[in-house]
Amino acid sequence: MLFLDGIFFVLGVVLLLVFCYLFFLAAASFVPEKKNRRFGPKTNFVLLIPAHNEAELIGATLDSLERVDYPRELYEVVVLADNCTDATARIVRERNISCLERTEPDRPGKGFALGWAFPGLLERYNHDAFIVLDADTYMEPDFLQAINQYFCRGAKVVQGYSQARHPERSPMESLSFLGFALNRNLRYRGRSRLGWSANLMGTGMCFSRQVLEQLGWNTTTMVEDIEYGMFLHLHGVRVVFAPDAGINVELHAGVNQTGGQRARWDMGKFEVRNRYLPKLLKAGFAKRDIRYFDSAMELLLPPFSLFCIVVMACAGLFFLVDFRGINLNFYLWLAVVVSLILYTTLGLVTAGADAKVYRSLLYAPFFLLWRCWIILSESCRGNKKRQW
């Protein structure tokens, strides 16, 4: 029994330390942002939309760009139709919008597509910055105005605030909204307030011309945003989080539609972790810089839903096989469970979630089991070619 006590004590301490780290970032997110001088429209942008068979959604996305409150002469829209077999390219050209077509089926995926497109775009357009938007993204009217402020203040890479467009439509989208809220409102905003590098999120990623010319784009994993964010950090480029630059993402409502996307995110993050974790730790020790350890922690932490599974499974095992009354381990695991509840609630409150989102928490056990099944099935399949 002493052996079991020791194991559960160590596990409890580790998980409690992780929550201390998460609450530290959450506390930092409440630090007021200093007031800065406001700039008028100055930065000119290329809005690049990589799309793979997005004929159903691309029209609505392009419509949202027409409602942007920013001088039209200061931004260009370009769609990158990557290995499309539907009408995506035709729909784009019918709107008199530039469309690049890429046909390289042996190198599928958004990361390779961006690496193919950027050299030509840098040569063709003399713009200050390039923004990558997914084909299922709806831009808030003041998005470019907000991003312009950060570039005028000297930022080189900026990440906008992405959120689920219809969190109340289905339990799947509500629970995804929770993950968005915990990441954007607590972790990423906290890093921004501390002056640390934030995460890239796939859509709403904004890069200065200088960064792309000097460093290029060379991602090869299934999660090009995470990979490139780590690459930038190792090269001394900070990703600035812009919580006031809103974009809305159209999520899939059903389990079957979402499974492939989740599998790509989960398995891709493991691949990036194996590639970049040693480099980040080495840089952190060599430079004695806590920011590298923060990026390493980002790679070590699984998606919050999987982290919940780990916490609840470990807590359940403790109370099932090692609970022997009110002792040190009991208080330790009680603190872990309470921390999970408080952190989840804090994310929902800061995101302004409505009643439907809270009710969707009743589906959380099924959602967590489904997420666990995705990881297990993809690990057994060993499929690393799921690029879109």
Protein backbone atom coordinates (compact mmCIF):
# COMPACT_ATOMS: atom_id res chain seq x y z
CA MET A 1 0.00 0.00 0.00
CA LEU A 2 2.91 2.36 0.68
CA PHE A 3 4.03 1.81 -2.92
CA LEU A 4 0.57 2.79 -4.22
CA ASP A 5 0.49 5.78 -1.89
CA GLY A 6 3.80 6.94 -3.31
CA ILE A 7 2.67 6.54 -6.93
CA PHE A 8 -0.56 8.45 -6.40
CA PHE A 9 1.24 11.12 -4.38
CA VAL A 10 3.70 11.76 -7.22
CA LEU A 11 0.91 11.74 -9.83
CA GLY A 12 -1.17 14.14 -7.77
CA VAL A 13 1.73 16.53 -7.25
CA VAL A 14 2.56 16.53 -10.98
CA LEU A 15 -1.03 17.26 -11.98
CA LEU A 16 -1.39 19.94 -9.33
CA LEU A 17 1.78 21.62 -10.60
CA VAL A 18 0.33 21.59 -14.11
CA PHE A 19 -2.79 23.32 -12.79
CA CYS A 20 -0.62 25.86 -10.98
CA TYR A 21 1.02 26.64 -14.33
CA LEU A 22 -2.39 26.95 -16.05
CA PHE A 23 -3.77 29.19 -13.29
CA PHE A 24 -0.63 31.33 -13.48
CA LEU A 25 -1.29 32.00 -17.18
CA ALA A 26 -4.98 32.53 -16.42
CA ALA A 27 -4.14 35.09 -13.74
CA ALA A 28 -1.81 36.88 -16.17
CA SER A 29 -4.67 37.08 -18.67
CA PHE A 30 -6.49 39.47 -16.31
CA VAL A 31 -3.61 41.95 -16.19
CA PRO A 32 -4.89 45.11 -17.89
CA GLU A 33 -3.30 45.81 -21.26
CA LYS A 34 -1.54 49.14 -21.40
CA LYS A 35 -3.14 51.79 -23.56
CA ASN A 36 -1.37 52.36 -26.83
CA ARG A 37 -1.54 55.03 -29.47
CA ARG A 38 -4.09 54.30 -32.17
CA PHE A 39 -2.98 54.24 -35.80
CA GLY A 40 -5.03 54.80 -38.91
CA PRO A 41 -5.06 52.25 -41.74
CA LYS A 42 -1.49 51.91 -42.91
CA THR A 43 -0.49 48.27 -43.33
CA ASN A 44 -1.38 46.67 -46.66
CA PHE A 45 -2.26 42.99 -46.57
CA VAL A 46 -2.53 39.95 -48.79
CA LEU A 47 -5.31 37.69 -47.48
CA LEU A 48 -4.38 34.15 -48.49
CA ILE A 49 -7.05 31.44 -48.24
CA PRO A 50 -5.75 27.86 -48.70
CA ALA A 51 -8.66 25.65 -49.76
CA HIS A 52 -9.06 21.97 -50.56
CA ASN A 53 -12.48 21.11 -52.02
CA GLU A 54 -14.24 23.97 -50.23
CA ALA A 55 -16.87 24.80 -52.87
CA GLU A 56 -19.64 24.77 -50.25
CA LEU A 57 -17.98 27.25 -47.89
CA ILE A 58 -15.64 29.44 -49.91
CA GLY A 59 -18.39 31.76 -51.16
CA ALA A 60 -19.57 32.71 -47.67
CA THR A 61 -15.99 33.25 -46.54
CA LEU A 62 -15.32 35.59 -49.45
CA ASP A 63 -18.57 37.43 -48.69
CA SER A 64 -17.34 38.13 -45.15
CA LEU A 65 -14.21 39.74 -46.57
CA GLU A 66 -16.33 42.20 -48.52
CA ARG A 67 -17.73 43.53 -45.24
CA VAL A 68 -14.34 44.31 -43.73
CA ASP A 69 -14.01 47.86 -42.39
CA TYR A 70 -10.67 48.64 -44.01
CA PRO A 71 -9.73 50.57 -47.18
CA ARG A 72 -10.19 48.16 -50.09
CA GLU A 73 -7.05 49.40 -51.81
CA LEU A 74 -4.98 48.22 -48.83
CA TYR A 75 -5.75 44.52 -49.10
CA GLU A 76 -5.81 41.84 -51.78
CA VAL A 77 -7.58 38.49 -51.57
CA VAL A 78 -5.97 35.37 -53.02
CA VAL A 79 -7.39 31.85 -52.85
CA LEU A 80 -5.03 28.89 -53.07
CA ALA A 81 -6.96 25.94 -54.49
CA ASP A 82 -4.85 22.98 -53.42
CA ASN A 83 -5.42 19.73 -55.31
CA CYS A 84 -9.11 20.56 -55.65
CA THR A 85 -11.44 18.22 -57.53
CA ASP A 86 -14.58 20.31 -57.06
CA ALA A 87 -15.68 23.77 -58.21
CA THR A 88 -13.65 25.79 -55.70
CA ALA A 89 -11.42 27.48 -58.30
CA ARG A 90 -14.35 28.26 -60.63
CA ILE A 91 -16.40 29.86 -57.84
CA VAL A 92 -13.46 32.05 -56.85
CA ARG A 93 -12.73 33.22 -60.41
CA GLU A 94 -16.39 34.00 -61.04
CA ARG A 95 -16.04 36.60 -58.27
CA ASN A 96 -13.01 38.15 -60.01
CA ILE A 97 -10.73 37.10 -57.17
CA SER A 98 -7.21 35.82 -57.78
CA CYS A 99 -6.95 32.04 -57.57
CA LEU A 100 -3.77 29.99 -57.53
CA GLU A 101 -4.14 26.29 -58.38
CA ARG A 102 -1.70 23.73 -57.08
CA THR A 103 -1.65 20.12 -58.29
CA GLU A 104 0.89 18.14 -56.32
CA PRO A 105 -1.00 15.09 -55.00
CA ASP A 106 2.20 13.51 -53.69
CA ARG A 107 2.66 16.43 -51.26
CA PRO A 108 -0.86 17.12 -49.95
CA GLY A 109 -1.77 19.48 -47.17
CA LYS A 110 -1.90 23.06 -46.07
CA GLY A 111 1.71 23.25 -44.90
CA PHE A 112 3.12 22.16 -48.26
CA ALA A 113 0.61 24.39 -50.08
CA LEU A 114 1.76 27.48 -48.17
CA GLY A 115 5.40 26.64 -48.81
CA TRP A 116 4.56 26.43 -52.51
CA ALA A 117 2.59 29.68 -52.60
CA PHE A 118 4.59 32.16 -50.53
CA PRO A 119 7.64 32.58 -52.82
CA GLY A 120 5.41 33.53 -55.76
CA LEU A 121 3.25 35.83 -53.63
CA LEU A 122 6.29 37.65 -52.26
CA GLU A 123 7.47 38.24 -55.80
CA ARG A 124 4.07 39.27 -57.14
CA TYR A 125 2.85 41.50 -54.29
CA ASN A 126 4.80 44.25 -52.59
CA HIS A 127 2.54 44.20 -49.52
CA ASP A 128 3.63 44.63 -45.90
CA ALA A 129 2.00 41.53 -44.43
CA PHE A 130 0.33 38.26 -45.38
CA ILE A 131 -2.67 36.81 -43.53
CA VAL A 132 -3.59 33.12 -43.75
CA LEU A 133 -7.30 32.35 -43.39
CA ASP A 134 -9.05 29.00 -43.56
CA ALA A 135 -11.85 28.59 -46.10
CA ASP A 136 -14.38 28.15 -43.26
CA THR A 137 -13.43 31.42 -41.54
CA TYR A 138 -15.64 34.49 -41.19
CA MET A 139 -13.75 37.68 -40.47
CA GLU A 140 -15.12 40.31 -38.10
CA PRO A 141 -15.42 43.73 -39.80
CA ASP A 142 -12.73 45.31 -37.58
CA PHE A 143 -10.24 42.45 -37.89
CA LEU A 144 -7.82 44.23 -40.24
CA GLN A 145 -8.09 47.46 -38.27
CA ALA A 146 -7.01 45.57 -35.15
CA ILE A 147 -4.18 43.68 -36.84
CA ASN A 148 -2.96 46.94 -38.37
CA GLN A 149 -2.44 48.35 -34.85
CA TYR A 150 -0.06 45.55 -33.91
CA PHE A 151 2.03 45.82 -37.06
CA CYS A 152 2.23 49.59 -36.68
CA ARG A 153 3.63 49.02 -33.18
CA GLY A 154 6.37 46.79 -34.55
CA ALA A 155 4.98 43.25 -34.34
CA LYS A 156 6.34 40.77 -36.88
CA VAL A 157 3.83 37.93 -36.44
CA VAL A 158 0.30 38.35 -35.08
CA GLN A 159 -2.36 35.75 -34.30
CA GLY A 160 -6.02 36.78 -34.28
CA TYR A 161 -8.69 35.50 -31.90
CA SER A 162 -10.54 32.57 -33.47
CA GLN A 163 -13.70 31.17 -31.95
CA ALA A 164 -16.50 28.78 -32.84
CA ARG A 165 -19.13 30.51 -34.96
CA HIS A 166 -22.17 28.58 -33.68
CA PRO A 167 -21.32 27.18 -30.22
CA GLU A 168 -24.99 26.75 -29.37
CA ARG A 169 -25.85 24.66 -32.46
CA SER A 170 -24.76 21.24 -31.19
CA PRO A 171 -23.07 19.64 -28.18
CA MET A 172 -20.00 18.94 -30.34
CA GLU A 173 -19.61 22.62 -31.19
CA SER A 174 -20.33 23.70 -27.61
CA LEU A 175 -17.59 21.49 -26.23
CA SER A 176 -15.21 22.65 -28.96
CA PHE A 177 -16.09 26.21 -27.97
CA LEU A 178 -14.97 25.35 -24.42
CA GLY A 179 -11.57 24.27 -25.72
CA PHE A 180 -11.31 27.50 -27.70
CA ALA A 181 -12.23 29.53 -24.62
CA LEU A 182 -9.70 27.87 -22.33
CA ASN A 183 -6.89 28.30 -24.84
CA ARG A 184 -7.60 31.79 -26.19
CA ASN A 185 -8.98 33.56 -23.13
CA LEU A 186 -6.69 32.08 -20.48
CA ARG A 187 -3.47 30.58 -21.87
CA TYR A 188 -2.83 32.64 -25.00
CA ARG A 189 -4.03 35.93 -23.55
CA GLY A 190 -1.95 35.26 -20.44
CA ARG A 191 1.17 34.72 -22.53
CA SER A 192 0.45 37.94 -24.40
CA ARG A 193 0.20 39.93 -21.16
CA LEU A 194 3.53 38.47 -20.02
CA GLY A 195 5.24 39.37 -23.27
CA TRP A 196 5.76 35.71 -24.21
CA SER A 197 5.21 34.15 -27.61
CA ALA A 198 1.65 32.98 -28.27
CA ASN A 199 0.48 30.09 -30.42
CA LEU A 200 -0.38 30.10 -34.10
CA MET A 201 -3.87 28.67 -34.68
CA GLY A 202 -4.07 27.84 -38.37
CA THR A 203 -6.41 30.67 -39.31
CA GLY A 204 -5.99 34.38 -38.67
CA MET A 205 -2.19 33.99 -38.79
CA CYS A 206 -0.51 37.25 -39.87
CA PHE A 207 3.12 37.39 -41.01
CA SER A 208 5.21 40.40 -41.90
CA ARG A 209 6.93 40.37 -45.26
CA GLN A 210 10.28 40.52 -43.50
CA VAL A 211 9.70 37.26 -41.62
CA LEU A 212 8.62 35.34 -44.71
CA GLU A 213 11.53 36.67 -46.77
CA GLN A 214 14.10 35.87 -44.11
CA LEU A 215 12.80 32.55 -42.77
CA GLY A 216 10.53 31.26 -45.53
CA TRP A 217 7.95 28.57 -44.88
CA ASN A 218 9.14 25.00 -44.49
CA THR A 219 6.57 23.05 -42.47
CA THR A 220 6.08 19.36 -43.21
CA THR A 221 3.87 18.06 -40.38
CA MET A 222 0.09 17.76 -40.21
CA VAL A 223 -0.17 20.79 -37.89
CA GLU A 224 1.69 23.49 -39.76
CA ASP A 225 0.55 26.19 -37.33
CA ILE A 226 2.05 24.57 -34.24
CA GLU A 227 5.20 23.61 -36.12
CA TYR A 228 5.81 27.06 -37.58
CA GLY A 229 5.12 28.70 -34.22
CA MET A 230 7.86 26.63 -32.60
CA PHE A 231 10.16 27.31 -35.54
CA LEU A 232 9.63 31.06 -35.13
CA HIS A 233 10.32 30.93 -31.40
CA LEU A 234 13.62 29.13 -31.95
CA HIS A 235 14.55 31.87 -34.43
CA GLY A 236 13.75 34.66 -31.98
CA VAL A 237 10.44 35.78 -33.50
CA ARG A 238 7.60 36.43 -31.08
CA VAL A 239 4.01 35.60 -32.03
CA VAL A 240 1.78 38.37 -30.66
CA PHE A 241 -1.76 37.38 -29.69
CA ALA A 242 -4.47 39.84 -30.74
CA PRO A 243 -7.61 39.16 -28.64
CA ASP A 244 -9.39 42.13 -30.25
CA ALA A 245 -8.98 40.75 -33.81
CA GLY A 246 -11.93 38.37 -34.04
CA ILE A 247 -12.56 35.63 -36.58
CA ASN A 248 -15.27 32.97 -36.44
CA VAL A 249 -14.69 29.39 -37.52
CA GLU A 250 -17.42 27.18 -38.97
CA LEU A 251 -17.03 23.90 -37.10
CA HIS A 252 -18.52 20.59 -38.16
CA ALA A 253 -21.60 19.74 -36.14
CA GLY A 254 -21.36 15.94 -36.35
CA VAL A 255 -19.00 13.36 -34.90
CA ASN A 256 -18.16 11.71 -38.22
CA GLN A 257 -17.33 15.02 -39.90
CA THR A 258 -15.09 16.15 -37.08
CA GLY A 259 -13.20 12.93 -36.43
CA GLY A 260 -10.69 13.26 -39.26
CA GLN A 261 -9.83 16.83 -38.36
CA ARG A 262 -9.33 15.97 -34.69
CA ALA A 263 -7.12 13.02 -35.65
CA ARG A 264 -4.92 15.29 -37.73
CA TRP A 265 -4.57 17.79 -34.89
CA ASP A 266 -3.81 15.18 -32.24
CA MET A 267 -1.35 13.05 -34.19
CA GLY A 268 0.30 16.08 -35.73
CA LYS A 269 1.01 17.61 -32.33
CA PHE A 270 2.77 14.43 -31.24
CA GLU A 271 4.97 14.67 -34.32
CA VAL A 272 5.88 18.30 -33.62
CA ARG A 273 6.56 17.49 -29.98
CA ASN A 274 9.05 14.78 -30.91
CA ARG A 275 10.81 17.13 -33.33
CA TYR A 276 10.92 20.38 -31.35
CA LEU A 277 10.77 19.51 -27.65
CA PRO A 278 14.51 18.70 -27.31
CA LYS A 279 15.43 21.90 -29.19
CA LEU A 280 13.23 24.06 -26.96
CA LEU A 281 14.58 22.53 -23.76
CA LYS A 282 18.16 22.93 -25.00
CA ALA A 283 17.53 26.59 -25.86
CA GLY A 284 15.84 27.20 -22.51
CA PHE A 285 18.79 25.87 -20.52
CA ALA A 286 21.38 27.52 -22.76
CA LYS A 287 19.74 30.96 -22.66
CA ARG A 288 18.17 30.61 -19.20
CA ASP A 289 14.92 31.84 -20.68
CA ILE A 290 11.63 30.67 -19.19
CA ARG A 291 9.80 31.39 -22.45
CA TYR A 292 11.34 28.34 -24.11
CA PHE A 293 10.15 26.15 -21.24
CA ASP A 294 6.68 27.64 -21.70
CA SER A 295 6.71 26.57 -25.37
CA ALA A 296 7.96 23.15 -24.31
CA MET A 297 5.08 22.91 -21.85
CA GLU A 298 2.68 23.77 -24.65
CA LEU A 299 3.94 20.75 -26.59
CA LEU A 300 3.81 18.47 -23.55
CA LEU A 301 0.25 19.37 -22.62
CA PRO A 302 -2.32 17.35 -24.57
CA PRO A 303 -5.52 18.96 -25.83
CA PHE A 304 -7.64 19.93 -22.83
CA SER A 305 -10.19 17.20 -23.46
CA LEU A 306 -7.46 14.55 -23.30
CA PHE A 307 -5.99 16.24 -20.24
CA CYS A 308 -9.42 15.93 -18.60
CA ILE A 309 -9.41 12.22 -19.36
CA VAL A 310 -6.01 11.81 -17.71
CA VAL A 311 -7.05 13.78 -14.62
CA MET A 312 -10.38 11.99 -14.16
CA ALA A 313 -8.91 8.55 -14.85
CA CYS A 314 -6.12 9.06 -12.32
CA ALA A 315 -8.51 10.52 -9.74
CA GLY A 316 -10.94 7.64 -10.28
CA LEU A 317 -8.18 5.08 -9.81
CA PHE A 318 -7.05 6.77 -6.62
CA PHE A 319 -10.50 6.75 -5.04
CA LEU A 320 -11.08 3.19 -6.24
CA VAL A 321 -7.87 1.44 -5.22
CA ASP A 322 -6.01 3.68 -2.74
CA PHE A 323 -8.55 5.76 -0.83
CA ARG A 324 -8.06 5.09 2.88
CA GLY A 325 -9.80 7.96 4.57
CA ILE A 326 -8.93 11.60 5.10
CA ASN A 327 -5.17 11.85 4.64
CA LEU A 328 -2.59 13.82 2.65
CA ASN A 329 -3.33 11.99 -0.61
CA PHE A 330 -7.04 12.61 -0.23
CA TYR A 331 -6.54 16.37 0.09
CA LEU A 332 -4.07 16.32 -2.80
CA TRP A 333 -6.50 14.60 -5.19
CA LEU A 334 -9.40 16.69 -3.95
CA ALA A 335 -7.35 19.78 -4.89
CA VAL A 336 -6.69 18.30 -8.35
CA VAL A 337 -10.40 17.65 -9.02
CA VAL A 338 -11.45 21.07 -7.70
CA SER A 339 -8.77 22.70 -9.86
CA LEU A 340 -10.17 21.00 -12.95
CA ILE A 341 -13.70 22.22 -12.17
CA LEU A 342 -12.59 25.77 -11.38
CA TYR A 343 -10.38 26.09 -14.45
CA THR A 344 -13.13 24.82 -16.77
CA THR A 345 -15.67 27.18 -15.21
CA LEU A 346 -13.29 30.12 -15.50
CA GLY A 347 -12.86 29.47 -19.22
CA LEU A 348 -16.62 29.43 -19.80
CA VAL A 349 -17.22 32.58 -17.77
CA THR A 350 -14.48 34.59 -19.49
CA ALA A 351 -15.83 33.52 -22.90
CA GLY A 352 -19.36 34.64 -22.05
CA ALA A 353 -20.84 31.20 -22.79
CA ASP A 354 -24.63 31.04 -22.87
CA ALA A 355 -26.90 28.51 -21.15
CA LYS A 356 -26.89 26.07 -24.08
CA VAL A 357 -23.12 25.72 -23.86
CA TYR A 358 -23.33 24.96 -20.13
CA ARG A 359 -26.03 22.35 -20.75
CA SER A 360 -23.80 20.69 -23.31
CA LEU A 361 -21.40 19.80 -20.51
CA LEU A 362 -23.76 16.88 -19.84
CA TYR A 363 -22.39 15.36 -23.06
CA ALA A 364 -18.79 15.81 -21.93
CA PRO A 365 -18.24 12.14 -20.89
CA PHE A 366 -19.25 10.94 -24.37
CA PHE A 367 -17.12 13.63 -26.00
CA LEU A 368 -14.09 12.63 -23.91
CA LEU A 369 -14.51 8.93 -24.74
CA TRP A 370 -14.79 9.80 -28.42
CA ARG A 371 -11.58 11.87 -28.25
CA CYS A 372 -9.80 8.98 -26.57
CA TRP A 373 -11.04 6.61 -29.28
CA ILE A 374 -9.63 8.90 -31.99
CA ILE A 375 -6.17 8.82 -30.46
CA LEU A 376 -6.19 5.05 -30.02
CA SER A 377 -7.48 4.32 -33.52
CA GLU A 378 -5.07 6.71 -35.22
CA SER A 379 -2.14 5.37 -33.18
CA CYS A 380 -2.96 1.83 -34.26
CA ARG A 381 -3.46 2.88 -37.88
CA GLY A 382 -0.24 4.84 -37.99
CA ASN A 383 -1.72 7.19 -40.59
CA LYS A 384 0.32 10.35 -41.04
CA LYS A 385 -0.95 11.34 -44.46
CA ARG A 386 -4.17 12.97 -43.32
CA GLN A 387 -3.26 16.47 -44.41
CA TRP A 388 -6.57 18.28 -44.90
